[in-house]
Amino acid sequence: MKIERRELSAYTSTLTWDEVVWVVSRALGRNDSVDEGRELLGFPNIEFIDVDQHTLSTAQTLLEKSGLTPRDSIHLASAINKKNKPDNQR
């Protein structure tokens, strides 16, 4: 995978960690979810984007203008805001 080989940078909302841990916990149990959460945090070349007030405001706008779910709106808002930040603020 290009991300693992550091050929491609990846960005995702901090909600991704929550979603992965939750789904694995429901499907396989707590111990596996703890392991998967740790593995995701250690995955090379992924930056987790904080969900801040600006991200939530963008998510609200997306939610109002689209058929996206709240979580999908947050994920998309994270990507949009990351893309639009000046290089010196990334």
PDB file of N, CA and C in Angstrom:
ATOM      1  N   MET A   1       0.840  -1.170   0.000  1.00  0.00           N
ATOM      2  CA  MET A   1       0.000   0.000   0.000  1.00  0.00           C
ATOM      3  C   MET A   1       0.890   1.240   0.000  1.00  0.00           C
ATOM      4  N   LYS A   2       0.506   2.229  -0.795  1.00  0.00           N
ATOM      5  CA  LYS A   2       1.320   3.432  -0.941  1.00  0.00           C
ATOM      6  C   LYS A   2       1.488   4.196   0.369  1.00  0.00           C
ATOM      7  N   ILE A   3       0.471   4.163   1.207  1.00  0.00           N
ATOM      8  CA  ILE A   3       0.569   4.874   2.491  1.00  0.00           C
ATOM      9  C   ILE A   3       1.622   4.203   3.366  1.00  0.00           C
ATOM     10  N   GLU A   4       1.589   2.886   3.441  1.00  0.00           N
ATOM     11  CA  GLU A   4       2.583   2.147   4.248  1.00  0.00           C
ATOM     12  C   GLU A   4       3.993   2.359   3.732  1.00  0.00           C
ATOM     13  N   ARG A   5       4.136   2.506   2.416  1.00  0.00           N
ATOM     14  CA  ARG A   5       5.467   2.726   1.825  1.00  0.00           C
ATOM     15  C   ARG A   5       5.864   4.195   1.844  1.00  0.00           C
ATOM     16  N   ARG A   6       5.012   5.012   2.444  1.00  0.00           N
ATOM     17  CA  ARG A   6       5.244   6.453   2.569  1.00  0.00           C
ATOM     18  C   ARG A   6       5.327   7.154   1.213  1.00  0.00           C
ATOM     19  N   GLU A   7       4.617   6.609   0.237  1.00  0.00           N
ATOM     20  CA  GLU A   7       4.533   7.224  -1.081  1.00  0.00           C
ATOM     21  C   GLU A   7       3.336   8.165  -1.172  1.00  0.00           C
ATOM     22  N   LEU A   8       2.433   8.051  -0.216  1.00  0.00           N
ATOM     23  CA  LEU A   8       1.212   8.837  -0.204  1.00  0.00           C
ATOM     24  C   LEU A   8       0.882   9.182   1.242  1.00  0.00           C
ATOM     25  N   SER A   9       0.593  10.453   1.480  1.00  0.00           N
ATOM     26  CA  SER A   9       0.175  10.860   2.821  1.00  0.00           C
ATOM     27  C   SER A   9      -1.319  10.626   2.969  1.00  0.00           C
ATOM     28  N   ALA A  10      -1.729  10.258   4.165  1.00  0.00           N
ATOM     29  CA  ALA A  10      -3.142  10.023   4.443  1.00  0.00           C
ATOM     30  C   ALA A  10      -3.583  10.881   5.612  1.00  0.00           C
ATOM     31  N   TYR A  11      -4.800  11.365   5.532  1.00  0.00           N
ATOM     32  CA  TYR A  11      -5.377  12.190   6.572  1.00  0.00           C
ATOM     33  C   TYR A  11      -6.769  11.653   6.871  1.00  0.00           C
ATOM     34  N   THR A  12      -7.118  11.639   8.134  1.00  0.00           N
ATOM     35  CA  THR A  12      -8.452  11.200   8.514  1.00  0.00           C
ATOM     36  C   THR A  12      -8.855  11.888   9.805  1.00  0.00           C
ATOM     37  N   SER A  13     -10.127  11.986  10.008  1.00  0.00           N
ATOM     38  CA  SER A  13     -10.662  12.570  11.229  1.00  0.00           C
ATOM     39  C   SER A  13     -10.341  11.673  12.416  1.00  0.00           C
ATOM     40  N   THR A  14     -10.237  12.278  13.584  1.00  0.00           N
ATOM     41  CA  THR A  14     -10.044  11.478  14.794  1.00  0.00           C
ATOM     42  C   THR A  14     -11.216  10.530  15.032  1.00  0.00           C
ATOM     43  N   LEU A  15     -12.355  10.811  14.422  1.00  0.00           N
ATOM     44  CA  LEU A  15     -13.506   9.917  14.537  1.00  0.00           C
ATOM     45  C   LEU A  15     -13.224   8.542  13.947  1.00  0.00           C
ATOM     46  N   THR A  16     -12.290   8.460  13.028  1.00  0.00           N
ATOM     47  CA  THR A  16     -11.963   7.167  12.417  1.00  0.00           C
ATOM     48  C   THR A  16     -11.512   6.179  13.479  1.00  0.00           C
ATOM     49  N   TRP A  17     -10.678   6.640  14.398  1.00  0.00           N
ATOM     50  CA  TRP A  17     -10.217   5.761  15.477  1.00  0.00           C
ATOM     51  C   TRP A  17     -11.417   5.247  16.268  1.00  0.00           C
ATOM     52  N   ASP A  18     -12.306   6.157  16.635  1.00  0.00           N
ATOM     53  CA  ASP A  18     -13.505   5.793  17.385  1.00  0.00           C
ATOM     54  C   ASP A  18     -14.337   4.760  16.632  1.00  0.00           C
ATOM     55  N   GLU A  19     -14.541   4.981  15.360  1.00  0.00           N
ATOM     56  CA  GLU A  19     -15.369   4.084  14.563  1.00  0.00           C
ATOM     57  C   GLU A  19     -14.746   2.694  14.452  1.00  0.00           C
ATOM     58  N   VAL A  20     -13.454   2.636  14.204  1.00  0.00           N
ATOM     59  CA  VAL A  20     -12.773   1.342  14.083  1.00  0.00           C
ATOM     60  C   VAL A  20     -12.845   0.581  15.405  1.00  0.00           C
ATOM     61  N   VAL A  21     -12.507   1.243  16.487  1.00  0.00           N
ATOM     62  CA  VAL A  21     -12.516   0.584  17.796  1.00  0.00           C
ATOM     63  C   VAL A  21     -13.927   0.124  18.152  1.00  0.00           C
ATOM     64  N   TRP A  22     -14.924   0.932  17.884  1.00  0.00           N
ATOM     65  CA  TRP A  22     -16.308   0.579  18.203  1.00  0.00           C
ATOM     66  C   TRP A  22     -16.773  -0.646  17.408  1.00  0.00           C
ATOM     67  N   VAL A  23     -16.534  -0.629  16.103  1.00  0.00           N
ATOM     68  CA  VAL A  23     -16.990  -1.736  15.248  1.00  0.00           C
ATOM     69  C   VAL A  23     -16.284  -3.036  15.623  1.00  0.00           C
ATOM     70  N   VAL A  24     -14.988  -2.970  15.838  1.00  0.00           N
ATOM     71  CA  VAL A  24     -14.245  -4.180  16.207  1.00  0.00           C
ATOM     72  C   VAL A  24     -14.713  -4.685  17.570  1.00  0.00           C
ATOM     73  N   SER A  25     -14.981  -3.778  18.489  1.00  0.00           N
ATOM     74  CA  SER A  25     -15.471  -4.175  19.809  1.00  0.00           C
ATOM     75  C   SER A  25     -16.796  -4.919  19.698  1.00  0.00           C
ATOM     76  N   ARG A  26     -17.693  -4.398  18.892  1.00  0.00           N
ATOM     77  CA  ARG A  26     -19.008  -5.037  18.723  1.00  0.00           C
ATOM     78  C   ARG A  26     -18.890  -6.397  18.027  1.00  0.00           C
ATOM     79  N   ALA A  27     -17.960  -6.492  17.072  1.00  0.00           N
ATOM     80  CA  ALA A  27     -17.842  -7.716  16.284  1.00  0.00           C
ATOM     81  C   ALA A  27     -16.969  -8.779  16.948  1.00  0.00           C
ATOM     82  N   LEU A  28     -15.865  -8.336  17.556  1.00  0.00           N
ATOM     83  CA  LEU A  28     -14.873  -9.293  18.050  1.00  0.00           C
ATOM     84  C   LEU A  28     -14.583  -9.200  19.544  1.00  0.00           C
ATOM     85  N   GLY A  29     -15.043  -8.144  20.196  1.00  0.00           N
ATOM     86  CA  GLY A  29     -14.808  -7.997  21.623  1.00  0.00           C
ATOM     87  C   GLY A  29     -13.799  -6.907  21.951  1.00  0.00           C
ATOM     88  N   ARG A  30     -13.784  -6.577  23.225  1.00  0.00           N
ATOM     89  CA  ARG A  30     -12.956  -5.465  23.695  1.00  0.00           C
ATOM     90  C   ARG A  30     -11.463  -5.657  23.457  1.00  0.00           C
ATOM     91  N   ASN A  31     -10.933  -6.826  23.766  1.00  0.00           N
ATOM     92  CA  ASN A  31      -9.490  -7.040  23.613  1.00  0.00           C
ATOM     93  C   ASN A  31      -9.028  -6.800  22.186  1.00  0.00           C
ATOM     94  N   ASP A  32      -9.776  -7.323  21.224  1.00  0.00           N
ATOM     95  CA  ASP A  32      -9.415  -7.103  19.825  1.00  0.00           C
ATOM     96  C   ASP A  32      -9.542  -5.627  19.449  1.00  0.00           C
ATOM     97  N   SER A  33     -10.551  -4.958  20.005  1.00  0.00           N
ATOM     98  CA  SER A  33     -10.723  -3.541  19.669  1.00  0.00           C
ATOM     99  C   SER A  33      -9.574  -2.701  20.213  1.00  0.00           C
ATOM    100  N   VAL A  34      -9.092  -3.036  21.395  1.00  0.00           N
ATOM    101  CA  VAL A  34      -7.942  -2.323  21.958  1.00  0.00           C
ATOM    102  C   VAL A  34      -6.720  -2.511  21.062  1.00  0.00           C
ATOM    103  N   ASP A  35      -6.508  -3.739  20.619  1.00  0.00           N
ATOM    104  CA  ASP A  35      -5.378  -4.028  19.726  1.00  0.00           C
ATOM    105  C   ASP A  35      -5.502  -3.275  18.405  1.00  0.00           C
ATOM    106  N   GLU A  36      -6.711  -3.261  17.838  1.00  0.00           N
ATOM    107  CA  GLU A  36      -6.919  -2.574  16.556  1.00  0.00           C
ATOM    108  C   GLU A  36      -6.743  -1.066  16.695  1.00  0.00           C
ATOM    109  N   GLY A  37      -7.207  -0.519  17.800  1.00  0.00           N
ATOM    110  CA  GLY A  37      -7.014   0.907  18.042  1.00  0.00           C
ATOM    111  C   GLY A  37      -5.544   1.266  18.115  1.00  0.00           C
ATOM    112  N   ARG A  38      -4.779   0.451  18.833  1.00  0.00           N
ATOM    113  CA  ARG A  38      -3.336   0.673  18.948  1.00  0.00           C
ATOM    114  C   ARG A  38      -2.665   0.559  17.574  1.00  0.00           C
ATOM    115  N   GLU A  39      -3.074  -0.456  16.806  1.00  0.00           N
ATOM    116  CA  GLU A  39      -2.493  -0.650  15.472  1.00  0.00           C
ATOM    117  C   GLU A  39      -2.795   0.538  14.559  1.00  0.00           C
ATOM    118  N   LEU A  40      -4.030   1.027  14.602  1.00  0.00           N
ATOM    119  CA  LEU A  40      -4.391   2.174  13.766  1.00  0.00           C
ATOM    120  C   LEU A  40      -3.570   3.398  14.135  1.00  0.00           C
ATOM    121  N   LEU A  41      -3.384   3.639  15.426  1.00  0.00           N
ATOM    122  CA  LEU A  41      -2.578   4.792  15.850  1.00  0.00           C
ATOM    123  C   LEU A  41      -1.128   4.681  15.416  1.00  0.00           C
ATOM    124  N   GLY A  42      -0.636   3.450  15.270  1.00  0.00           N
ATOM    125  CA  GLY A  42       0.746   3.250  14.859  1.00  0.00           C
ATOM    126  C   GLY A  42       0.935   3.101  13.358  1.00  0.00           C
ATOM    127  N   PHE A  43      -0.162   3.179  12.597  1.00  0.00           N
ATOM    128  CA  PHE A  43      -0.075   3.007  11.151  1.00  0.00           C
ATOM    129  C   PHE A  43       0.780   4.121  10.562  1.00  0.00           C
ATOM    130  N   PRO A  44       1.715   3.779   9.695  1.00  0.00           N
ATOM    131  CA  PRO A  44       2.632   4.795   9.179  1.00  0.00           C
ATOM    132  C   PRO A  44       1.950   5.792   8.246  1.00  0.00           C
ATOM    133  N   ASN A  45       2.385   7.027   8.336  1.00  0.00           N
ATOM    134  CA  ASN A  45       2.041   8.066   7.386  1.00  0.00           C
ATOM    135  C   ASN A  45       0.568   8.481   7.394  1.00  0.00           C
ATOM    136  N   ILE A  46      -0.100   8.317   8.521  1.00  0.00           N
ATOM    137  CA  ILE A  46      -1.471   8.808   8.662  1.00  0.00           C
ATOM    138  C   ILE A  46      -1.483   9.906   9.716  1.00  0.00           C
ATOM    139  N   GLU A  47      -2.102  11.008   9.364  1.00  0.00           N
ATOM    140  CA  GLU A  47      -2.276  12.101  10.313  1.00  0.00           C
ATOM    141  C   GLU A  47      -3.757  12.181  10.683  1.00  0.00           C
ATOM    142  N   PHE A  48      -4.029  12.194  11.967  1.00  0.00           N
ATOM    143  CA  PHE A  48      -5.396  12.327  12.442  1.00  0.00           C
ATOM    144  C   PHE A  48      -5.713  13.810  12.605  1.00  0.00           C
ATOM    145  N   ILE A  49      -6.814  14.230  12.005  1.00  0.00           N
ATOM    146  CA  ILE A  49      -7.226  15.628  12.033  1.00  0.00           C
ATOM    147  C   ILE A  49      -8.170  15.837  13.211  1.00  0.00           C
ATOM    148  N   ASP A  50      -7.840  16.801  14.070  1.00  0.00           N
ATOM    149  CA  ASP A  50      -8.685  17.102  15.224  1.00  0.00           C
ATOM    150  C   ASP A  50     -10.032  17.646  14.769  1.00  0.00           C
ATOM    151  N   VAL A  51     -11.053  17.286  15.493  1.00  0.00           N
ATOM    152  CA  VAL A  51     -12.382  17.833  15.251  1.00  0.00           C
ATOM    153  C   VAL A  51     -12.534  19.037  16.174  1.00  0.00           C
ATOM    154  N   ASP A  52     -12.385  20.216  15.595  1.00  0.00           N
ATOM    155  CA  ASP A  52     -12.479  21.453  16.370  1.00  0.00           C
ATOM    156  C   ASP A  52     -13.729  22.230  15.959  1.00  0.00           C
ATOM    157  N   GLN A  53     -13.884  23.407  16.511  1.00  0.00           N
ATOM    158  CA  GLN A  53     -15.062  24.232  16.229  1.00  0.00           C
ATOM    159  C   GLN A  53     -15.178  24.545  14.742  1.00  0.00           C
ATOM    160  N   HIS A  54     -14.071  24.860  14.098  1.00  0.00           N
ATOM    161  CA  HIS A  54     -14.082  25.174  12.668  1.00  0.00           C
ATOM    162  C   HIS A  54     -14.545  23.964  11.853  1.00  0.00           C
ATOM    163  N   THR A  55     -14.043  22.793  12.204  1.00  0.00           N
ATOM    164  CA  THR A  55     -14.448  21.566  11.512  1.00  0.00           C
ATOM    165  C   THR A  55     -15.938  21.312  11.710  1.00  0.00           C
ATOM    166  N   LEU A  56     -16.431  21.498  12.927  1.00  0.00           N
ATOM    167  CA  LEU A  56     -17.855  21.286  13.188  1.00  0.00           C
ATOM    168  C   LEU A  56     -18.727  22.295  12.444  1.00  0.00           C
ATOM    169  N   SER A  57     -18.264  23.518  12.319  1.00  0.00           N
ATOM    170  CA  SER A  57     -19.024  24.523  11.563  1.00  0.00           C
ATOM    171  C   SER A  57     -19.110  24.137  10.089  1.00  0.00           C
ATOM    172  N   THR A  58     -17.999  23.669   9.545  1.00  0.00           N
ATOM    173  CA  THR A  58     -17.997  23.201   8.162  1.00  0.00           C
ATOM    174  C   THR A  58     -18.898  21.982   8.023  1.00  0.00           C
ATOM    175  N   ALA A  59     -18.833  21.072   8.994  1.00  0.00           N
ATOM    176  CA  ALA A  59     -19.678  19.879   8.972  1.00  0.00           C
ATOM    177  C   ALA A  59     -21.157  20.256   9.013  1.00  0.00           C
ATOM    178  N   GLN A  60     -21.498  21.247   9.812  1.00  0.00           N
ATOM    179  CA  GLN A  60     -22.891  21.704   9.888  1.00  0.00           C
ATOM    180  C   GLN A  60     -23.372  22.208   8.537  1.00  0.00           C
ATOM    181  N   THR A  61     -22.545  22.983   7.872  1.00  0.00           N
ATOM    182  CA  THR A  61     -22.899  23.484   6.541  1.00  0.00           C
ATOM    183  C   THR A  61     -23.094  22.331   5.561  1.00  0.00           C
ATOM    184  N   LEU A  62     -22.188  21.360   5.604  1.00  0.00           N
ATOM    185  CA  LEU A  62     -22.307  20.192   4.728  1.00  0.00           C
ATOM    186  C   LEU A  62     -23.571  19.400   5.039  1.00  0.00           C
ATOM    187  N   LEU A  63     -23.870  19.238   6.301  1.00  0.00           N
ATOM    188  CA  LEU A  63     -25.060  18.511   6.733  1.00  0.00           C
ATOM    189  C   LEU A  63     -26.325  19.181   6.196  1.00  0.00           C
ATOM    190  N   GLU A  64     -26.347  20.498   6.253  1.00  0.00           N
ATOM    191  CA  GLU A  64     -27.519  21.252   5.799  1.00  0.00           C
ATOM    192  C   GLU A  64     -27.702  21.196   4.290  1.00  0.00           C
ATOM    193  N   LYS A  65     -26.587  21.083   3.544  1.00  0.00           N
ATOM    194  CA  LYS A  65     -26.649  21.169   2.082  1.00  0.00           C
ATOM    195  C   LYS A  65     -26.590  19.822   1.380  1.00  0.00           C
ATOM    196  N   SER A  66     -26.460  18.742   2.122  1.00  0.00           N
ATOM    197  CA  SER A  66     -26.286  17.436   1.478  1.00  0.00           C
ATOM    198  C   SER A  66     -27.092  16.386   2.226  1.00  0.00           C
ATOM    199  N   GLY A  67     -27.027  15.182   1.736  1.00  0.00           N
ATOM    200  CA  GLY A  67     -27.692  14.075   2.405  1.00  0.00           C
ATOM    201  C   GLY A  67     -26.744  13.291   3.293  1.00  0.00           C
ATOM    202  N   LEU A  68     -25.594  13.879   3.626  1.00  0.00           N
ATOM    203  CA  LEU A  68     -24.600  13.182   4.434  1.00  0.00           C
ATOM    204  C   LEU A  68     -25.076  12.983   5.866  1.00  0.00           C
ATOM    205  N   THR A  69     -24.572  11.933   6.486  1.00  0.00           N
ATOM    206  CA  THR A  69     -24.811  11.719   7.909  1.00  0.00           C
ATOM    207  C   THR A  69     -23.914  12.677   8.702  1.00  0.00           C
ATOM    208  N   PRO A  70     -24.209  12.876   9.982  1.00  0.00           N
ATOM    209  CA  PRO A  70     -23.342  13.755  10.783  1.00  0.00           C
ATOM    210  C   PRO A  70     -21.877  13.304  10.782  1.00  0.00           C
ATOM    211  N   ARG A  71     -21.626  12.023  10.972  1.00  0.00           N
ATOM    212  CA  ARG A  71     -20.236  11.555  11.004  1.00  0.00           C
ATOM    213  C   ARG A  71     -19.549  11.737   9.650  1.00  0.00           C
ATOM    214  N   ASP A  72     -20.263  11.427   8.573  1.00  0.00           N
ATOM    215  CA  ASP A  72     -19.676  11.624   7.249  1.00  0.00           C
ATOM    216  C   ASP A  72     -19.419  13.105   6.983  1.00  0.00           C
ATOM    217  N   SER A  73     -20.285  13.963   7.493  1.00  0.00           N
ATOM    218  CA  SER A  73     -20.069  15.402   7.361  1.00  0.00           C
ATOM    219  C   SER A  73     -18.795  15.837   8.081  1.00  0.00           C
ATOM    220  N   ILE A  74     -18.554  15.261   9.250  1.00  0.00           N
ATOM    221  CA  ILE A  74     -17.328  15.584   9.992  1.00  0.00           C
ATOM    222  C   ILE A  74     -16.100  15.082   9.244  1.00  0.00           C
ATOM    223  N   HIS A  75     -16.165  13.869   8.710  1.00  0.00           N
ATOM    224  CA  HIS A  75     -15.027  13.345   7.947  1.00  0.00           C
ATOM    225  C   HIS A  75     -14.728  14.238   6.740  1.00  0.00           C
ATOM    226  N   LEU A  76     -15.764  14.604   5.997  1.00  0.00           N
ATOM    227  CA  LEU A  76     -15.557  15.450   4.825  1.00  0.00           C
ATOM    228  C   LEU A  76     -15.072  16.840   5.224  1.00  0.00           C
ATOM    229  N   ALA A  77     -15.622  17.400   6.273  1.00  0.00           N
ATOM    230  CA  ALA A  77     -15.183  18.717   6.746  1.00  0.00           C
ATOM    231  C   ALA A  77     -13.713  18.682   7.157  1.00  0.00           C
ATOM    232  N   SER A  78     -13.290  17.605   7.780  1.00  0.00           N
ATOM    233  CA  SER A  78     -11.877  17.463   8.162  1.00  0.00           C
ATOM    234  C   SER A  78     -10.983  17.515   6.930  1.00  0.00           C
ATOM    235  N   ALA A  79     -11.377  16.789   5.896  1.00  0.00           N
ATOM    236  CA  ALA A  79     -10.585  16.762   4.661  1.00  0.00           C
ATOM    237  C   ALA A  79     -10.577  18.134   3.980  1.00  0.00           C
ATOM    238  N   ILE A  80     -11.727  18.759   3.900  1.00  0.00           N
ATOM    239  CA  ILE A  80     -11.819  20.078   3.264  1.00  0.00           C
ATOM    240  C   ILE A  80     -10.965  21.095   4.001  1.00  0.00           C
ATOM    241  N   ASN A  81     -11.074  21.115   5.320  1.00  0.00           N
ATOM    242  CA  ASN A  81     -10.308  22.090   6.094  1.00  0.00           C
ATOM    243  C   ASN A  81      -8.818  21.812   6.034  1.00  0.00           C
ATOM    244  N   LYS A  82      -8.423  20.542   6.010  1.00  0.00           N
ATOM    245  CA  LYS A  82      -7.000  20.205   5.880  1.00  0.00           C
ATOM    246  C   LYS A  82      -6.467  20.692   4.537  1.00  0.00           C
ATOM    247  N   LYS A  83      -7.237  20.464   3.491  1.00  0.00           N
ATOM    248  CA  LYS A  83      -6.823  20.871   2.141  1.00  0.00           C
ATOM    249  C   LYS A  83      -6.689  22.387   2.047  1.00  0.00           C
ATOM    250  N   ASN A  84      -7.555  23.119   2.719  1.00  0.00           N
ATOM    251  CA  ASN A  84      -7.589  24.571   2.588  1.00  0.00           C
ATOM    252  C   ASN A  84      -6.672  25.304   3.545  1.00  0.00           C
ATOM    253  N   LYS A  85      -6.009  24.585   4.459  1.00  0.00           N
ATOM    254  CA  LYS A  85      -5.069  25.250   5.365  1.00  0.00           C
ATOM    255  C   LYS A  85      -3.793  25.599   4.621  1.00  0.00           C
ATOM    256  N   PRO A  86      -3.237  26.788   4.901  1.00  0.00           N
ATOM    257  CA  PRO A  86      -1.926  27.116   4.315  1.00  0.00           C
ATOM    258  C   PRO A  86      -0.870  26.104   4.777  1.00  0.00           C
ATOM    259  N   ASP A  87       0.130  25.869   3.944  1.00  0.00           N
ATOM    260  CA  ASP A  87       1.176  24.885   4.253  1.00  0.00           C
ATOM    261  C   ASP A  87       1.826  25.109   5.602  1.00  0.00           C
ATOM    262  N   ASN A  88       2.002  26.353   6.014  1.00  0.00           N
ATOM    263  CA  ASN A  88       2.687  26.610   7.292  1.00  0.00           C
ATOM    264  C   ASN A  88       1.788  26.325   8.505  1.00  0.00           C
ATOM    265  N   GLN A  89       0.505  26.018   8.279  1.00  0.00           N
ATOM    266  CA  GLN A  89      -0.386  25.693   9.384  1.00  0.00           C
ATOM    267  C   GLN A  89      -0.758  24.213   9.404  1.00  0.00           C
ATOM    268  N   ARG A  90      -0.227  23.430   8.519  1.00  0.00           N
ATOM    269  CA  ARG A  90      -0.529  22.009   8.469  1.00  0.00           C
ATOM    270  C   ARG A  90       0.310  21.315   9.455  1.00  0.00           C
TER     271      ARG A  90
END
